[in-house]
């Protein structure tokens, strides 16, 4: 919103509804208790100001409410998350690997691109189906974070299923544009299928 000031002159300038509405709208816009809404956060925030960050104005997949804490001195991330739904990414395809290192499956991901510098909370989960009766360890990892959740299954035969999940957060801080992506491995040379892959991301605080 761009405010157009009036050049006031005593006993000349007319005080009318249009001018008063213009003033009141600007006061509401500047009120830190009234959140702004957009794909970026205000460039010159004041202490206590609130803002809602979305990835799309017309069809947002997440809505994150932040409050600016000017007195926060521990790091540069002064926009503190105070509510909203997580960003969610999903791949339903059941696809397999026997790789001993973390790799993409035929359909990579799920993944999420971090929109701003900051610290984030990450949750991931998926189902597994073993392809042989041999005991094995299979795991998933979310890149760019310190999350790696392995699980050991001792199935009696092919088709043994299980679910693995992880919840963690980065401690250093991520850079805007960082791609968080789930990858998969199998510790023993046995083919394992992964399905219903899910990734959820919440901000903790951003710059």
Protein backbone atom coordinates (compact mmCIF):
# COMPACT_ATOMS: atom_id res chain seq x y z
CA UNK A 1 0.00 0.00 0.00
CA UNK A 2 1.40 3.41 -0.99
CA UNK A 3 0.28 6.33 1.13
CA UNK A 4 -0.29 9.63 -0.68
CA UNK A 5 -0.11 12.53 1.80
CA UNK A 6 -2.33 15.55 1.50
CA UNK A 7 -0.91 19.08 1.47
CA UNK A 8 -3.05 20.63 4.19
CA UNK A 9 -3.89 24.33 4.24
CA UNK A 10 -5.81 25.99 7.06
CA UNK A 11 -9.35 26.88 6.11
CA UNK A 12 -8.71 25.72 2.53
CA UNK A 13 -8.22 21.96 2.36
CA UNK A 14 -11.50 20.07 2.51
CA UNK A 15 -11.75 17.37 5.20
CA UNK A 16 -13.83 14.68 3.56
CA UNK A 17 -14.48 10.94 3.83
CA UNK A 18 -11.96 10.00 1.16
CA UNK A 19 -9.07 11.77 2.91
CA UNK A 20 -9.99 10.44 6.35
CA UNK A 21 -10.31 6.88 4.97
CA UNK A 22 -6.89 7.22 3.40
CA UNK A 23 -5.38 8.22 6.76
CA UNK A 24 -7.15 5.45 8.68
CA UNK A 25 -6.09 2.80 6.17
CA UNK A 26 -2.48 3.87 6.56
CA UNK A 27 -2.72 3.74 10.37
CA UNK A 28 -4.09 0.19 10.17
CA UNK A 29 -1.29 -0.79 7.79
CA UNK A 30 1.35 0.55 10.18
CA UNK A 31 -0.24 -1.05 13.26
CA UNK A 32 2.16 -3.89 14.24
CA UNK A 33 -0.77 -5.85 15.66
CA UNK A 34 -2.32 -6.21 12.19
CA UNK A 35 -0.36 -8.83 10.22
CA UNK A 36 0.72 -8.12 6.67
CA UNK A 37 0.20 -10.92 4.12
CA UNK A 38 2.53 -11.80 1.27
CA UNK A 39 5.30 -13.89 -0.25
CA UNK A 40 7.95 -11.83 1.57
CA UNK A 41 8.27 -10.29 5.02
CA UNK A 42 8.35 -6.49 5.60
CA UNK A 43 11.76 -4.98 4.84
CA UNK A 44 11.74 -2.47 7.70
CA UNK A 45 9.82 -4.11 10.56
CA UNK A 46 9.24 -2.64 14.00
CA UNK A 47 9.31 -4.49 17.29
CA UNK A 48 6.17 -6.56 17.76
CA UNK A 49 5.10 -6.34 14.12
CA UNK A 50 3.37 -9.43 12.75
CA UNK A 51 3.38 -10.82 9.22
CA UNK A 52 2.00 -13.86 7.43
CA UNK A 53 4.38 -15.47 4.93
CA UNK A 54 2.90 -17.58 2.12
CA UNK A 55 4.26 -19.20 -1.02
CA UNK A 56 1.35 -17.94 -3.13
CA UNK A 57 -1.15 -15.12 -2.65
CA UNK A 58 -3.89 -16.86 -4.65
CA UNK A 59 -3.36 -20.50 -3.63
CA UNK A 60 -0.95 -20.85 -0.68
CA UNK A 61 0.21 -24.30 0.36
CA UNK A 62 1.30 -22.97 3.75
CA UNK A 63 0.65 -19.87 5.87
CA UNK A 64 3.24 -18.96 8.50
CA UNK A 65 2.59 -16.23 11.09
CA UNK A 66 5.67 -14.44 12.46
CA UNK A 67 6.27 -11.79 15.10
CA UNK A 68 9.31 -9.51 14.88
CA UNK A 69 11.44 -9.46 18.03
CA UNK A 70 13.84 -6.52 17.75
CA UNK A 71 15.41 -7.40 21.09
CA UNK A 72 16.41 -10.88 20.02
CA UNK A 73 20.20 -10.84 20.07
CA UNK A 74 21.25 -14.51 19.89
CA UNK A 75 21.38 -14.51 16.08
CA UNK A 76 20.08 -12.67 13.02
CA UNK A 77 16.76 -14.52 12.95
CA UNK A 78 14.42 -11.97 14.55
CA UNK A 79 11.16 -13.06 12.88
CA UNK A 80 9.85 -15.68 15.35
CA UNK A 81 7.29 -18.23 14.22
CA UNK A 82 4.10 -18.09 16.30
CA UNK A 83 1.67 -20.22 14.29
CA UNK A 84 0.58 -21.80 11.05
CA UNK A 85 0.40 -25.01 9.07
CA UNK A 86 3.54 -26.83 7.93
CA UNK A 87 4.76 -26.90 4.37
CA UNK A 88 4.03 -30.44 3.17
CA UNK A 89 5.51 -32.47 0.34
CA UNK A 90 4.58 -36.04 -0.55
CA UNK A 91 5.49 -38.87 -2.93
CA UNK A 92 3.17 -41.88 -2.88
CA UNK A 93 5.04 -44.03 -5.41
CA UNK A 94 6.41 -47.33 -4.09
CA UNK A 95 9.98 -47.53 -5.39
CA UNK A 96 12.99 -49.58 -4.36
CA UNK A 97 16.74 -49.42 -3.90
CA UNK A 98 19.54 -51.68 -2.65
CA UNK A 99 22.06 -48.83 -2.36
CA UNK A 100 24.27 -48.76 0.70
CA UNK A 101 24.48 -44.95 0.55
CA UNK A 102 21.65 -42.44 0.57
CA UNK A 103 20.23 -42.01 -2.94
CA UNK A 104 17.20 -40.69 -4.77
CA UNK A 105 14.59 -43.21 -5.83
CA UNK A 106 13.12 -43.25 -9.35
CA UNK A 107 10.82 -40.43 -8.23
CA UNK A 108 13.08 -38.20 -6.10
CA UNK A 109 11.95 -36.68 -2.85
CA UNK A 110 9.72 -35.48 -1.43
CA UNK A 111 11.53 -32.16 -1.13
CA UNK A 112 11.02 -28.57 0.00
CA UNK A 113 12.95 -25.40 -0.82
CA UNK A 114 13.60 -23.14 2.17
CA UNK A 115 12.11 -19.68 1.42
CA UNK A 116 14.20 -17.60 3.86
CA UNK A 117 17.37 -17.81 5.92
CA UNK A 118 16.47 -19.31 9.27
CA UNK A 119 16.12 -22.31 11.54
CA UNK A 120 13.54 -24.96 10.76
CA UNK A 121 11.77 -27.96 12.25
CA UNK A 122 11.61 -30.99 9.95
CA UNK A 123 9.48 -34.13 10.15
CA UNK A 124 9.70 -37.05 7.74
CA UNK A 125 8.18 -40.51 7.45
CA UNK A 126 7.72 -43.37 4.99
CA UNK A 127 6.64 -46.97 4.75
CA UNK A 128 8.94 -49.85 3.79
CA UNK A 129 8.41 -53.26 2.21
CA UNK A 130 11.23 -55.76 2.25
CA UNK A 131 11.96 -57.73 -0.90
CA UNK A 132 13.62 -60.78 0.64
CA UNK A 133 13.58 -62.85 3.81
CA UNK A 134 17.08 -61.73 4.74
CA UNK A 135 17.29 -59.40 7.74
CA UNK A 136 18.42 -55.92 6.79
CA UNK A 137 18.66 -52.30 7.92
CA UNK A 138 17.00 -49.62 5.82
CA UNK A 139 16.83 -45.92 6.46
CA UNK A 140 15.98 -42.48 5.19
CA UNK A 141 17.68 -39.14 5.55
CA UNK A 142 16.73 -35.51 4.98
CA UNK A 143 19.66 -33.71 3.37
CA UNK A 144 20.94 -30.40 4.75
CA UNK A 145 19.91 -31.42 8.27
CA UNK A 146 21.24 -33.80 10.88
CA UNK A 147 18.34 -36.24 10.49
CA UNK A 148 19.08 -39.86 9.67
CA UNK A 149 16.72 -42.51 11.00
CA UNK A 150 17.66 -46.13 10.34
CA UNK A 151 15.51 -49.10 11.28
CA UNK A 152 16.23 -52.83 11.37
CA UNK A 153 13.60 -55.29 10.19
CA UNK A 154 13.79 -59.05 10.71
CA UNK A 155 11.00 -60.35 8.51
CA UNK A 156 10.10 -63.99 8.05
CA UNK A 157 9.66 -63.57 4.32
CA UNK A 158 9.12 -61.15 1.43
CA UNK A 159 6.50 -58.46 1.95
CA UNK A 160 7.31 -57.64 5.58
CA UNK A 161 6.32 -54.01 6.14
CA UNK A 162 7.17 -51.27 8.62
CA UNK A 163 7.23 -47.49 8.99
CA UNK A 164 10.07 -45.16 9.92
CA UNK A 165 9.80 -41.53 10.96
CA UNK A 166 11.99 -38.70 12.16
CA UNK A 167 11.49 -35.34 13.85
CA UNK A 168 14.38 -32.94 14.24
CA UNK A 169 15.65 -29.43 13.63
CA UNK A 170 18.75 -27.74 12.30
CA UNK A 171 20.90 -25.97 14.86
CA UNK A 172 23.10 -23.82 12.59
CA UNK A 173 20.52 -22.24 10.28
CA UNK A 174 19.63 -22.82 6.64
CA UNK A 175 20.11 -20.45 3.73
CA UNK A 176 17.19 -19.39 1.55
CA UNK A 177 17.08 -21.69 -1.47
CA UNK A 178 18.37 -24.73 0.41
CA UNK A 179 16.56 -27.86 -0.79
CA UNK A 180 15.50 -30.31 1.91
CA UNK A 181 15.11 -33.71 0.27
CA UNK A 182 14.43 -37.20 1.57
CA UNK A 183 16.84 -39.93 0.40
CA UNK A 184 17.01 -43.66 1.15
CA UNK A 185 19.50 -46.45 1.77
CA UNK A 186 19.77 -50.14 2.66
CA UNK A 187 22.64 -51.28 4.84
CA UNK A 188 22.66 -54.82 3.42
CA UNK A 189 22.50 -55.68 -0.26
CA UNK A 190 18.77 -56.37 -0.28
CA UNK A 191 16.20 -54.51 -2.33
CA UNK A 192 13.76 -52.52 -0.18
CA UNK A 193 10.74 -50.55 -1.39
CA UNK A 194 9.74 -47.20 0.10
CA UNK A 195 6.25 -45.72 -0.19
CA UNK A 196 3.92 -43.05 1.25
CA UNK A 197 6.89 -40.72 1.63
CA UNK A 198 6.08 -37.55 3.56
CA UNK A 199 8.01 -34.39 4.46
CA UNK A 200 6.73 -31.57 6.71
CA UNK A 201 8.62 -28.33 7.40
CA UNK A 202 7.91 -25.58 9.95
CA UNK A 203 10.04 -22.47 10.53
CA UNK A 204 11.32 -21.76 14.04
CA UNK A 205 12.70 -18.30 13.33
CA UNK A 206 13.89 -16.55 10.18
CA UNK A 207 15.65 -13.37 9.12
